[in-house]
Amino acid sequence: MAITAKDVEELHTYAEGVMGRADHHVGEVKGVALAILGGIIWRGEPDSIRIRSFAGTPANMLWAKIGGNTYVFAYNHETEKIEIRDRTQTGAVLHSFNNSTPVADIESAFRAL
């Protein structure tokens, strides 16, 4: 079940969870997760951010509308990257990022959404 993130407190809780779980993934996405969260805050439409929950706590998946389109932000365990997917959790992968991704590329990807 998804919850709607309407305020900074919910995003804060989500970010704490993502950063804590990133330690389990060899730190390949810990830094880039912060840049992606910034992009979601920057470009996400108000009241469009939904956070997936698992066992009552936020999970590693978030939906947001940007430019009228829905995107899913999720960690891929196989590639060890955070992906932006088109509309659904099984949608086409539009972008993927890890700590080796230049910040300028992340900004450019968000600007193009």
PDB file of N, CA and C in Angstrom:
ATOM      1  N   MET A   1       0.845  -1.175   0.000  1.00  0.00           N
ATOM      2  CA  MET A   1       0.000   0.000   0.000  1.00  0.00           C
ATOM      3  C   MET A   1       0.892   1.240   0.000  1.00  0.00           C
ATOM      4  N   ALA A   2       0.540   2.221  -0.751  1.00  0.00           N
ATOM      5  CA  ALA A   2       1.304   3.465  -0.839  1.00  0.00           C
ATOM      6  C   ALA A   2       0.698   4.520   0.077  1.00  0.00           C
ATOM      7  N   ILE A   3       1.556   5.415   0.572  1.00  0.00           N
ATOM      8  CA  ILE A   3       1.096   6.565   1.342  1.00  0.00           C
ATOM      9  C   ILE A   3       1.458   7.815   0.563  1.00  0.00           C
ATOM     10  N   THR A   4       0.728   8.884   0.754  1.00  0.00           N
ATOM     11  CA  THR A   4       1.009  10.131   0.054  1.00  0.00           C
ATOM     12  C   THR A   4       1.905  11.005   0.923  1.00  0.00           C
ATOM     13  N   ALA A   5       3.012  11.461   0.366  1.00  0.00           N
ATOM     14  CA  ALA A   5       3.926  12.339   1.100  1.00  0.00           C
ATOM     15  C   ALA A   5       3.502  13.773   0.870  1.00  0.00           C
ATOM     16  N   LYS A   6       2.863  14.375   1.860  1.00  0.00           N
ATOM     17  CA  LYS A   6       2.360  15.729   1.719  1.00  0.00           C
ATOM     18  C   LYS A   6       3.216  16.737   2.452  1.00  0.00           C
ATOM     19  N   ASP A   7       4.179  16.260   3.199  1.00  0.00           N
ATOM     20  CA  ASP A   7       4.990  17.208   3.940  1.00  0.00           C
ATOM     21  C   ASP A   7       6.416  16.706   4.097  1.00  0.00           C
ATOM     22  N   VAL A   8       7.252  17.567   4.590  1.00  0.00           N
ATOM     23  CA  VAL A   8       8.674  17.272   4.710  1.00  0.00           C
ATOM     24  C   VAL A   8       8.928  16.142   5.700  1.00  0.00           C
ATOM     25  N   GLU A   9       8.102  16.019   6.717  1.00  0.00           N
ATOM     26  CA  GLU A   9       8.301  14.975   7.715  1.00  0.00           C
ATOM     27  C   GLU A   9       8.255  13.583   7.088  1.00  0.00           C
ATOM     28  N   GLU A  10       7.298  13.352   6.200  1.00  0.00           N
ATOM     29  CA  GLU A  10       7.204  12.058   5.534  1.00  0.00           C
ATOM     30  C   GLU A  10       8.398  11.828   4.622  1.00  0.00           C
ATOM     31  N   LEU A  11       8.818  12.850   3.893  1.00  0.00           N
ATOM     32  CA  LEU A  11      10.007  12.715   3.042  1.00  0.00           C
ATOM     33  C   LEU A  11      11.252  12.488   3.892  1.00  0.00           C
ATOM     34  N   HIS A  12      11.314  13.129   5.042  1.00  0.00           N
ATOM     35  CA  HIS A  12      12.442  12.937   5.946  1.00  0.00           C
ATOM     36  C   HIS A  12      12.513  11.476   6.399  1.00  0.00           C
ATOM     37  N   THR A  13      11.395  10.920   6.796  1.00  0.00           N
ATOM     38  CA  THR A  13      11.350   9.521   7.227  1.00  0.00           C
ATOM     39  C   THR A  13      11.765   8.604   6.088  1.00  0.00           C
ATOM     40  N   TYR A  14      11.276   8.890   4.883  1.00  0.00           N
ATOM     41  CA  TYR A  14      11.650   8.100   3.710  1.00  0.00           C
ATOM     42  C   TYR A  14      13.154   8.189   3.459  1.00  0.00           C
ATOM     43  N   ALA A  15      13.707   9.408   3.491  1.00  0.00           N
ATOM     44  CA  ALA A  15      15.135   9.608   3.239  1.00  0.00           C
ATOM     45  C   ALA A  15      15.986   8.891   4.285  1.00  0.00           C
ATOM     46  N   GLU A  16      15.571   8.946   5.550  1.00  0.00           N
ATOM     47  CA  GLU A  16      16.310   8.225   6.594  1.00  0.00           C
ATOM     48  C   GLU A  16      16.351   6.729   6.304  1.00  0.00           C
ATOM     49  N   GLY A  17      15.241   6.179   5.872  1.00  0.00           N
ATOM     50  CA  GLY A  17      15.178   4.754   5.549  1.00  0.00           C
ATOM     51  C   GLY A  17      16.055   4.405   4.367  1.00  0.00           C
ATOM     52  N   VAL A  18      15.992   5.218   3.305  1.00  0.00           N
ATOM     53  CA  VAL A  18      16.814   4.971   2.114  1.00  0.00           C
ATOM     54  C   VAL A  18      18.290   5.015   2.469  1.00  0.00           C
ATOM     55  N   MET A  19      18.680   6.024   3.226  1.00  0.00           N
ATOM     56  CA  MET A  19      20.098   6.164   3.583  1.00  0.00           C
ATOM     57  C   MET A  19      20.550   5.023   4.497  1.00  0.00           C
ATOM     58  N   GLY A  20      19.695   4.588   5.391  1.00  0.00           N
ATOM     59  CA  GLY A  20      20.042   3.470   6.260  1.00  0.00           C
ATOM     60  C   GLY A  20      20.164   2.168   5.499  1.00  0.00           C
ATOM     61  N   ARG A  21      19.247   1.922   4.579  1.00  0.00           N
ATOM     62  CA  ARG A  21      19.296   0.694   3.781  1.00  0.00           C
ATOM     63  C   ARG A  21      20.423   0.731   2.763  1.00  0.00           C
ATOM     64  N   ALA A  22      20.865   1.905   2.361  1.00  0.00           N
ATOM     65  CA  ALA A  22      21.952   2.018   1.377  1.00  0.00           C
ATOM     66  C   ALA A  22      23.231   1.396   1.908  1.00  0.00           C
ATOM     67  N   ASP A  23      23.417   1.379   3.212  1.00  0.00           N
ATOM     68  CA  ASP A  23      24.602   0.744   3.790  1.00  0.00           C
ATOM     69  C   ASP A  23      24.669  -0.736   3.437  1.00  0.00           C
ATOM     70  N   HIS A  24      23.525  -1.369   3.267  1.00  0.00           N
ATOM     71  CA  HIS A  24      23.489  -2.787   2.931  1.00  0.00           C
ATOM     72  C   HIS A  24      23.840  -3.031   1.470  1.00  0.00           C
ATOM     73  N   HIS A  25      23.885  -1.997   0.670  1.00  0.00           N
ATOM     74  CA  HIS A  25      24.127  -2.136  -0.766  1.00  0.00           C
ATOM     75  C   HIS A  25      25.512  -1.616  -1.131  1.00  0.00           C
ATOM     76  N   VAL A  26      26.474  -1.859  -0.298  1.00  0.00           N
ATOM     77  CA  VAL A  26      27.880  -1.525  -0.504  1.00  0.00           C
ATOM     78  C   VAL A  26      28.078  -0.037  -0.780  1.00  0.00           C
ATOM     79  N   GLY A  27      27.130   0.781  -0.420  1.00  0.00           N
ATOM     80  CA  GLY A  27      27.287   2.220  -0.568  1.00  0.00           C
ATOM     81  C   GLY A  27      27.315   2.713  -1.999  1.00  0.00           C
ATOM     82  N   GLU A  28      26.921   1.887  -2.962  1.00  0.00           N
ATOM     83  CA  GLU A  28      26.962   2.279  -4.370  1.00  0.00           C
ATOM     84  C   GLU A  28      25.941   3.346  -4.731  1.00  0.00           C
ATOM     85  N   VAL A  29      24.967   3.574  -3.869  1.00  0.00           N
ATOM     86  CA  VAL A  29      23.922   4.550  -4.180  1.00  0.00           C
ATOM     87  C   VAL A  29      23.702   5.561  -3.063  1.00  0.00           C
ATOM     88  N   LYS A  30      24.473   5.473  -2.012  1.00  0.00           N
ATOM     89  CA  LYS A  30      24.220   6.336  -0.860  1.00  0.00           C
ATOM     90  C   LYS A  30      24.317   7.817  -1.221  1.00  0.00           C
ATOM     91  N   GLY A  31      25.347   8.211  -1.917  1.00  0.00           N
ATOM     92  CA  GLY A  31      25.503   9.611  -2.300  1.00  0.00           C
ATOM     93  C   GLY A  31      24.499  10.047  -3.353  1.00  0.00           C
ATOM     94  N   VAL A  32      24.307   9.218  -4.354  1.00  0.00           N
ATOM     95  CA  VAL A  32      23.406   9.582  -5.442  1.00  0.00           C
ATOM     96  C   VAL A  32      21.958   9.646  -4.958  1.00  0.00           C
ATOM     97  N   ALA A  33      21.618   8.880  -3.923  1.00  0.00           N
ATOM     98  CA  ALA A  33      20.261   8.928  -3.380  1.00  0.00           C
ATOM     99  C   ALA A  33      19.906  10.333  -2.926  1.00  0.00           C
ATOM    100  N   LEU A  34      20.867  11.035  -2.347  1.00  0.00           N
ATOM    101  CA  LEU A  34      20.604  12.410  -1.908  1.00  0.00           C
ATOM    102  C   LEU A  34      20.324  13.330  -3.097  1.00  0.00           C
ATOM    103  N   ALA A  35      21.086  13.173  -4.169  1.00  0.00           N
ATOM    104  CA  ALA A  35      20.862  13.995  -5.359  1.00  0.00           C
ATOM    105  C   ALA A  35      19.499  13.689  -5.985  1.00  0.00           C
ATOM    106  N   ILE A  36      19.122  12.422  -6.017  1.00  0.00           N
ATOM    107  CA  ILE A  36      17.826  12.039  -6.582  1.00  0.00           C
ATOM    108  C   ILE A  36      16.684  12.573  -5.727  1.00  0.00           C
ATOM    109  N   LEU A  37      16.815  12.474  -4.412  1.00  0.00           N
ATOM    110  CA  LEU A  37      15.787  13.049  -3.536  1.00  0.00           C
ATOM    111  C   LEU A  37      15.658  14.551  -3.773  1.00  0.00           C
ATOM    112  N   GLY A  38      16.764  15.224  -3.969  1.00  0.00           N
ATOM    113  CA  GLY A  38      16.720  16.653  -4.292  1.00  0.00           C
ATOM    114  C   GLY A  38      15.997  16.909  -5.598  1.00  0.00           C
ATOM    115  N   GLY A  39      16.238  16.060  -6.595  1.00  0.00           N
ATOM    116  CA  GLY A  39      15.546  16.193  -7.874  1.00  0.00           C
ATOM    117  C   GLY A  39      14.049  15.980  -7.749  1.00  0.00           C
ATOM    118  N   ILE A  40      13.657  15.017  -6.905  1.00  0.00           N
ATOM    119  CA  ILE A  40      12.233  14.761  -6.686  1.00  0.00           C
ATOM    120  C   ILE A  40      11.581  15.962  -6.002  1.00  0.00           C
ATOM    121  N   ILE A  41      12.253  16.528  -5.017  1.00  0.00           N
ATOM    122  CA  ILE A  41      11.710  17.711  -4.340  1.00  0.00           C
ATOM    123  C   ILE A  41      11.618  18.880  -5.313  1.00  0.00           C
ATOM    124  N   TRP A  42      12.634  19.039  -6.142  1.00  0.00           N
ATOM    125  CA  TRP A  42      12.686  20.149  -7.107  1.00  0.00           C
ATOM    126  C   TRP A  42      11.600  20.029  -8.168  1.00  0.00           C
ATOM    127  N   ARG A  43      11.471  18.854  -8.786  1.00  0.00           N
ATOM    128  CA  ARG A  43      10.612  18.720  -9.952  1.00  0.00           C
ATOM    129  C   ARG A  43       9.263  18.056  -9.679  1.00  0.00           C
ATOM    130  N   GLY A  44       9.136  17.362  -8.557  1.00  0.00           N
ATOM    131  CA  GLY A  44       7.887  16.654  -8.256  1.00  0.00           C
ATOM    132  C   GLY A  44       6.729  17.623  -8.053  1.00  0.00           C
ATOM    133  N   GLU A  45       5.589  17.292  -8.625  1.00  0.00           N
ATOM    134  CA  GLU A  45       4.402  18.131  -8.480  1.00  0.00           C
ATOM    135  C   GLU A  45       3.854  18.000  -7.061  1.00  0.00           C
ATOM    136  N   PRO A  46       3.396  19.114  -6.478  1.00  0.00           N
ATOM    137  CA  PRO A  46       2.846  19.073  -5.123  1.00  0.00           C
ATOM    138  C   PRO A  46       1.762  18.006  -4.976  1.00  0.00           C
ATOM    139  N   ASP A  47       1.784  17.319  -3.868  1.00  0.00           N
ATOM    140  CA  ASP A  47       0.813  16.270  -3.528  1.00  0.00           C
ATOM    141  C   ASP A  47       0.816  15.085  -4.483  1.00  0.00           C
ATOM    142  N   SER A  48       1.865  14.912  -5.282  1.00  0.00           N
ATOM    143  CA  SER A  48       1.904  13.776  -6.206  1.00  0.00           C
ATOM    144  C   SER A  48       2.851  12.678  -5.738  1.00  0.00           C
ATOM    145  N   ILE A  49       3.626  12.932  -4.708  1.00  0.00           N
ATOM    146  CA  ILE A  49       4.626  11.964  -4.266  1.00  0.00           C
ATOM    147  C   ILE A  49       3.955  10.903  -3.400  1.00  0.00           C
ATOM    148  N   ARG A  50       4.148   9.642  -3.795  1.00  0.00           N
ATOM    149  CA  ARG A  50       3.619   8.510  -3.031  1.00  0.00           C
ATOM    150  C   ARG A  50       4.790   7.598  -2.680  1.00  0.00           C
ATOM    151  N   ILE A  51       4.828   7.160  -1.454  1.00  0.00           N
ATOM    152  CA  ILE A  51       5.915   6.317  -0.977  1.00  0.00           C
ATOM    153  C   ILE A  51       5.359   4.935  -0.681  1.00  0.00           C
ATOM    154  N   ARG A  52       6.007   3.922  -1.242  1.00  0.00           N
ATOM    155  CA  ARG A  52       5.585   2.555  -0.971  1.00  0.00           C
ATOM    156  C   ARG A  52       5.974   2.201   0.455  1.00  0.00           C
ATOM    157  N   SER A  53       5.085   1.471   1.123  1.00  0.00           N
ATOM    158  CA  SER A  53       5.412   1.029   2.479  1.00  0.00           C
ATOM    159  C   SER A  53       5.474  -0.488   2.515  1.00  0.00           C
ATOM    160  N   PHE A  54       6.271  -0.995   3.433  1.00  0.00           N
ATOM    161  CA  PHE A  54       6.410  -2.431   3.649  1.00  0.00           C
ATOM    162  C   PHE A  54       6.451  -2.653   5.154  1.00  0.00           C
ATOM    163  N   ALA A  55       5.549  -3.456   5.662  1.00  0.00           N
ATOM    164  CA  ALA A  55       5.465  -3.734   7.097  1.00  0.00           C
ATOM    165  C   ALA A  55       5.355  -2.447   7.910  1.00  0.00           C
ATOM    166  N   GLY A  56       4.624  -1.469   7.365  1.00  0.00           N
ATOM    167  CA  GLY A  56       4.375  -0.231   8.092  1.00  0.00           C
ATOM    168  C   GLY A  56       5.464   0.819   8.018  1.00  0.00           C
ATOM    169  N   THR A  57       6.534   0.553   7.284  1.00  0.00           N
ATOM    170  CA  THR A  57       7.607   1.542   7.143  1.00  0.00           C
ATOM    171  C   THR A  57       7.855   1.818   5.664  1.00  0.00           C
ATOM    172  N   PRO A  58       8.405   3.000   5.338  1.00  0.00           N
ATOM    173  CA  PRO A  58       8.670   3.321   3.932  1.00  0.00           C
ATOM    174  C   PRO A  58       9.656   2.330   3.294  1.00  0.00           C
ATOM    175  N   ALA A  59       9.404   1.946   2.072  1.00  0.00           N
ATOM    176  CA  ALA A  59      10.261   1.020   1.328  1.00  0.00           C
ATOM    177  C   ALA A  59      11.090   1.805   0.313  1.00  0.00           C
ATOM    178  N   ASN A  60      11.848   1.102  -0.511  1.00  0.00           N
ATOM    179  CA  ASN A  60      12.749   1.735  -1.484  1.00  0.00           C
ATOM    180  C   ASN A  60      12.056   2.053  -2.804  1.00  0.00           C
ATOM    181  N   MET A  61      10.819   2.496  -2.763  1.00  0.00           N
ATOM    182  CA  MET A  61      10.116   2.830  -3.999  1.00  0.00           C
ATOM    183  C   MET A  61       9.248   4.062  -3.773  1.00  0.00           C
ATOM    184  N   LEU A  62       9.286   4.962  -4.742  1.00  0.00           N
ATOM    185  CA  LEU A  62       8.557   6.222  -4.639  1.00  0.00           C
ATOM    186  C   LEU A  62       8.021   6.578  -6.009  1.00  0.00           C
ATOM    187  N   TRP A  63       6.797   7.084  -6.043  1.00  0.00           N
ATOM    188  CA  TRP A  63       6.181   7.584  -7.278  1.00  0.00           C
ATOM    189  C   TRP A  63       6.079   9.093  -7.178  1.00  0.00           C
ATOM    190  N   ALA A  64       6.275   9.775  -8.294  1.00  0.00           N
ATOM    191  CA  ALA A  64       6.079  11.225  -8.337  1.00  0.00           C
ATOM    192  C   ALA A  64       5.665  11.623  -9.744  1.00  0.00           C
ATOM    193  N   LYS A  65       4.826  12.658  -9.821  1.00  0.00           N
ATOM    194  CA  LYS A  65       4.481  13.244 -11.118  1.00  0.00           C
ATOM    195  C   LYS A  65       5.432  14.395 -11.372  1.00  0.00           C
ATOM    196  N   ILE A  66       5.961  14.409 -12.576  1.00  0.00           N
ATOM    197  CA  ILE A  66       6.837  15.480 -13.034  1.00  0.00           C
ATOM    198  C   ILE A  66       6.384  15.829 -14.441  1.00  0.00           C
ATOM    199  N   GLY A  67       6.045  17.085 -14.668  1.00  0.00           N
ATOM    200  CA  GLY A  67       5.581  17.488 -15.993  1.00  0.00           C
ATOM    201  C   GLY A  67       4.336  16.751 -16.434  1.00  0.00           C
ATOM    202  N   GLY A  68       3.484  16.360 -15.470  1.00  0.00           N
ATOM    203  CA  GLY A  68       2.241  15.675 -15.800  1.00  0.00           C
ATOM    204  C   GLY A  68       2.379  14.176 -15.989  1.00  0.00           C
ATOM    205  N   ASN A  69       3.584  13.645 -15.959  1.00  0.00           N
ATOM    206  CA  ASN A  69       3.827  12.212 -16.131  1.00  0.00           C
ATOM    207  C   ASN A  69       4.238  11.589 -14.805  1.00  0.00           C
ATOM    208  N   THR A  70       3.860  10.328 -14.615  1.00  0.00           N
ATOM    209  CA  THR A  70       4.224   9.615 -13.398  1.00  0.00           C
ATOM    210  C   THR A  70       5.504   8.831 -13.616  1.00  0.00           C
ATOM    211  N   TYR A  71       6.398   8.930 -12.639  1.00  0.00           N
ATOM    212  CA  TYR A  71       7.665   8.202 -12.667  1.00  0.00           C
ATOM    213  C   TYR A  71       7.824   7.436 -11.365  1.00  0.00           C
ATOM    214  N   VAL A  72       8.470   6.293 -11.452  1.00  0.00           N
ATOM    215  CA  VAL A  72       8.773   5.475 -10.288  1.00  0.00           C
ATOM    216  C   VAL A  72      10.275   5.527 -10.057  1.00  0.00           C
ATOM    217  N   PHE A  73      10.657   5.744  -8.817  1.00  0.00           N
ATOM    218  CA  PHE A  73      12.057   5.770  -8.409  1.00  0.00           C
ATOM    219  C   PHE A  73      12.270   4.558  -7.516  1.00  0.00           C
ATOM    220  N   ALA A  74      13.152   3.644  -7.925  1.00  0.00           N
ATOM    221  CA  ALA A  74      13.312   2.399  -7.182  1.00  0.00           C
ATOM    222  C   ALA A  74      14.745   1.892  -7.276  1.00  0.00           C
ATOM    223  N   TYR A  75      15.169   1.199  -6.238  1.00  0.00           N
ATOM    224  CA  TYR A  75      16.490   0.579  -6.223  1.00  0.00           C
ATOM    225  C   TYR A  75      16.397  -0.780  -6.906  1.00  0.00           C
ATOM    226  N   ASN A  76      17.327  -1.048  -7.838  1.00  0.00           N
ATOM    227  CA  ASN A  76      17.400  -2.324  -8.527  1.00  0.00           C
ATOM    228  C   ASN A  76      18.543  -3.123  -7.904  1.00  0.00           C
ATOM    229  N   HIS A  77      18.213  -4.221  -7.239  1.00  0.00           N
ATOM    230  CA  HIS A  77      19.214  -5.026  -6.543  1.00  0.00           C
ATOM    231  C   HIS A  77      20.197  -5.695  -7.500  1.00  0.00           C
ATOM    232  N   GLU A  78      19.754  -6.027  -8.717  1.00  0.00           N
ATOM    233  CA  GLU A  78      20.625  -6.703  -9.679  1.00  0.00           C
ATOM    234  C   GLU A  78      21.696  -5.768 -10.234  1.00  0.00           C
ATOM    235  N   THR A  79      21.307  -4.542 -10.587  1.00  0.00           N
ATOM    236  CA  THR A  79      22.266  -3.593 -11.166  1.00  0.00           C
ATOM    237  C   THR A  79      22.937  -2.719 -10.115  1.00  0.00           C
ATOM    238  N   GLU A  80      22.384  -2.742  -8.879  1.00  0.00           N
ATOM    239  CA  GLU A  80      22.855  -1.894  -7.782  1.00  0.00           C
ATOM    240  C   GLU A  80      22.781  -0.406  -8.144  1.00  0.00           C
ATOM    241  N   LYS A  81      21.692  -0.049  -8.821  1.00  0.00           N
ATOM    242  CA  LYS A  81      21.459   1.339  -9.223  1.00  0.00           C
ATOM    243  C   LYS A  81      20.046   1.755  -8.844  1.00  0.00           C
ATOM    244  N   ILE A  82      19.853   3.056  -8.698  1.00  0.00           N
ATOM    245  CA  ILE A  82      18.514   3.619  -8.532  1.00  0.00           C
ATOM    246  C   ILE A  82      18.004   3.957  -9.919  1.00  0.00           C
ATOM    247  N   GLU A  83      16.805   3.502 -10.217  1.00  0.00           N
ATOM    248  CA  GLU A  83      16.238   3.694 -11.548  1.00  0.00           C
ATOM    249  C   GLU A  83      15.055   4.654 -11.514  1.00  0.00           C
ATOM    250  N   ILE A  84      14.885   5.351 -12.628  1.00  0.00           N
ATOM    251  CA  ILE A  84      13.652   6.096 -12.882  1.00  0.00           C
ATOM    252  C   ILE A  84      12.920   5.294 -13.939  1.00  0.00           C
ATOM    253  N   ARG A  85      11.707   4.860 -13.598  1.00  0.00           N
ATOM    254  CA  ARG A  85      10.912   4.045 -14.513  1.00  0.00           C
ATOM    255  C   ARG A  85       9.672   4.813 -14.970  1.00  0.00           C
ATOM    256  N   ASP A  86       9.202   4.477 -16.130  1.00  0.00           N
ATOM    257  CA  ASP A  86       8.027   5.111 -16.724  1.00  0.00           C
ATOM    258  C   ASP A  86       6.748   4.545 -16.115  1.00  0.00           C
ATOM    259  N   ARG A  87       6.029   5.338 -15.375  1.00  0.00           N
ATOM    260  CA  ARG A  87       4.683   5.113 -14.851  1.00  0.00           C
ATOM    261  C   ARG A  87       4.522   4.046 -13.779  1.00  0.00           C
ATOM    262  N   THR A  88       5.109   2.860 -13.943  1.00  0.00           N
ATOM    263  CA  THR A  88       4.884   1.769 -12.994  1.00  0.00           C
ATOM    264  C   THR A  88       6.205   1.150 -12.568  1.00  0.00           C
ATOM    265  N   GLN A  89       6.139   0.310 -11.545  1.00  0.00           N
ATOM    266  CA  GLN A  89       7.360  -0.328 -11.067  1.00  0.00           C
ATOM    267  C   GLN A  89       7.944  -1.301 -12.083  1.00  0.00           C
ATOM    268  N   THR A  90       7.157  -1.704 -13.066  1.00  0.00           N
ATOM    269  CA  THR A  90       7.665  -2.572 -14.128  1.00  0.00           C
ATOM    270  C   THR A  90       7.803  -1.820 -15.452  1.00  0.00           C
ATOM    271  N   GLY A  91       7.638  -0.500 -15.425  1.00  0.00           N
ATOM    272  CA  GLY A  91       7.740   0.314 -16.630  1.00  0.00           C
ATOM    273  C   GLY A  91       9.165   0.355 -17.175  1.00  0.00           C
ATOM    274  N   ALA A  92       9.287   0.908 -18.353  1.00  0.00           N
ATOM    275  CA  ALA A  92      10.603   1.022 -18.996  1.00  0.00           C
ATOM    276  C   ALA A  92      11.551   1.839 -18.124  1.00  0.00           C
ATOM    277  N   VAL A  93      12.797   1.392 -18.048  1.00  0.00           N
ATOM    278  CA  VAL A  93      13.815   2.135 -17.308  1.00  0.00           C
ATOM    279  C   VAL A  93      14.255   3.313 -18.177  1.00  0.00           C
ATOM    280  N   LEU A  94      14.040   4.519 -17.680  1.00  0.00           N
ATOM    281  CA  LEU A  94      14.392   5.729 -18.417  1.00  0.00           C
ATOM    282  C   LEU A  94      15.794   6.217 -18.066  1.00  0.00           C
ATOM    283  N   HIS A  95      16.167   6.056 -16.800  1.00  0.00           N
ATOM    284  CA  HIS A  95      17.485   6.467 -16.317  1.00  0.00           C
ATOM    285  C   HIS A  95      17.887   5.551 -15.177  1.00  0.00           C
ATOM    286  N   SER A  96      19.184   5.348 -15.004  1.00  0.00           N
ATOM    287  CA  SER A  96      19.676   4.617 -13.842  1.00  0.00           C
ATOM    288  C   SER A  96      20.942   5.303 -13.346  1.00  0.00           C
ATOM    289  N   PHE A  97      21.096   5.310 -12.014  1.00  0.00           N
ATOM    290  CA  PHE A  97      22.174   6.073 -11.393  1.00  0.00           C
ATOM    291  C   PHE A  97      22.833   5.283 -10.268  1.00  0.00           C
ATOM    292  N   ASN A  98      24.127   5.500 -10.099  1.00  0.00           N
ATOM    293  CA  ASN A  98      24.822   5.074  -8.892  1.00  0.00           C
ATOM    294  C   ASN A  98      25.819   6.166  -8.545  1.00  0.00           C
ATOM    295  N   ASN A  99      26.666   5.928  -7.577  1.00  0.00           N
ATOM    296  CA  ASN A  99      27.570   6.980  -7.112  1.00  0.00           C
ATOM    297  C   ASN A  99      28.569   7.446  -8.170  1.00  0.00           C
ATOM    298  N   SER A 100      28.766   6.668  -9.221  1.00  0.00           N
ATOM    299  CA  SER A 100      29.692   7.105 -10.274  1.00  0.00           C
ATOM    300  C   SER A 100      29.019   8.029 -11.293  1.00  0.00           C
ATOM    301  N   THR A 101      27.711   8.225 -11.188  1.00  0.00           N
ATOM    302  CA  THR A 101      26.988   9.115 -12.098  1.00  0.00           C
ATOM    303  C   THR A 101      27.303  10.568 -11.750  1.00  0.00           C
ATOM    304  N   PRO A 102      27.782  11.351 -12.709  1.00  0.00           N
ATOM    305  CA  PRO A 102      28.033  12.769 -12.425  1.00  0.00           C
ATOM    306  C   PRO A 102      26.747  13.503 -12.040  1.00  0.00           C
ATOM    307  N   VAL A 103      26.847  14.391 -11.080  1.00  0.00           N
ATOM    308  CA  VAL A 103      25.690  15.158 -10.615  1.00  0.00           C
ATOM    309  C   VAL A 103      25.056  15.921 -11.775  1.00  0.00           C
ATOM    310  N   ALA A 104      25.864  16.417 -12.695  1.00  0.00           N
ATOM    311  CA  ALA A 104      25.320  17.142 -13.850  1.00  0.00           C
ATOM    312  C   ALA A 104      24.409  16.241 -14.683  1.00  0.00           C
ATOM    313  N   ASP A 105      24.716  14.951 -14.769  1.00  0.00           N
ATOM    314  CA  ASP A 105      23.867  14.022 -15.511  1.00  0.00           C
ATOM    315  C   ASP A 105      22.528  13.814 -14.797  1.00  0.00           C
ATOM    316  N   ILE A 106      22.556  13.800 -13.478  1.00  0.00           N
ATOM    317  CA  ILE A 106      21.323  13.653 -12.706  1.00  0.00           C
ATOM    318  C   ILE A 106      20.449  14.879 -12.900  1.00  0.00           C
ATOM    319  N   GLU A 107      21.044  16.049 -12.799  1.00  0.00           N
ATOM    320  CA  GLU A 107      20.293  17.290 -13.007  1.00  0.00           C
ATOM    321  C   GLU A 107      19.703  17.328 -14.408  1.00  0.00           C
ATOM    322  N   SER A 108      20.475  16.927 -15.396  1.00  0.00           N
ATOM    323  CA  SER A 108      20.011  16.923 -16.783  1.00  0.00           C
ATOM    324  C   SER A 108      18.843  15.948 -16.970  1.00  0.00           C
ATOM    325  N   ALA A 109      18.922  14.786 -16.349  1.00  0.00           N
ATOM    326  CA  ALA A 109      17.841  13.798 -16.463  1.00  0.00           C
ATOM    327  C   ALA A 109      16.552  14.351 -15.863  1.00  0.00           C
ATOM    328  N   PHE A 110      16.646  14.975 -14.708  1.00  0.00           N
ATOM    329  CA  PHE A 110      15.455  15.557 -14.072  1.00  0.00           C
ATOM    330  C   PHE A 110      14.902  16.720 -14.885  1.00  0.00           C
ATOM    331  N   ARG A 111      15.768  17.518 -15.436  1.00  0.00           N
ATOM    332  CA  ARG A 111      15.306  18.653 -16.242  1.00  0.00           C
ATOM    333  C   ARG A 111      14.548  18.156 -17.472  1.00  0.00           C
ATOM    334  N   ALA A 112      14.948  17.013 -18.016  1.00  0.00           N
ATOM    335  CA  ALA A 112      14.325  16.475 -19.231  1.00  0.00           C
ATOM    336  C   ALA A 112      13.007  15.758 -18.966  1.00  0.00           C
ATOM    337  N   LEU A 113      12.711  15.420 -17.711  1.00  0.00           N
ATOM    338  CA  LEU A 113      11.457  14.703 -17.409  1.00  0.00           C
ATOM    339  C   LEU A 113      10.252  15.615 -17.606  1.00  0.00           C
TER     340      LEU A 113
END
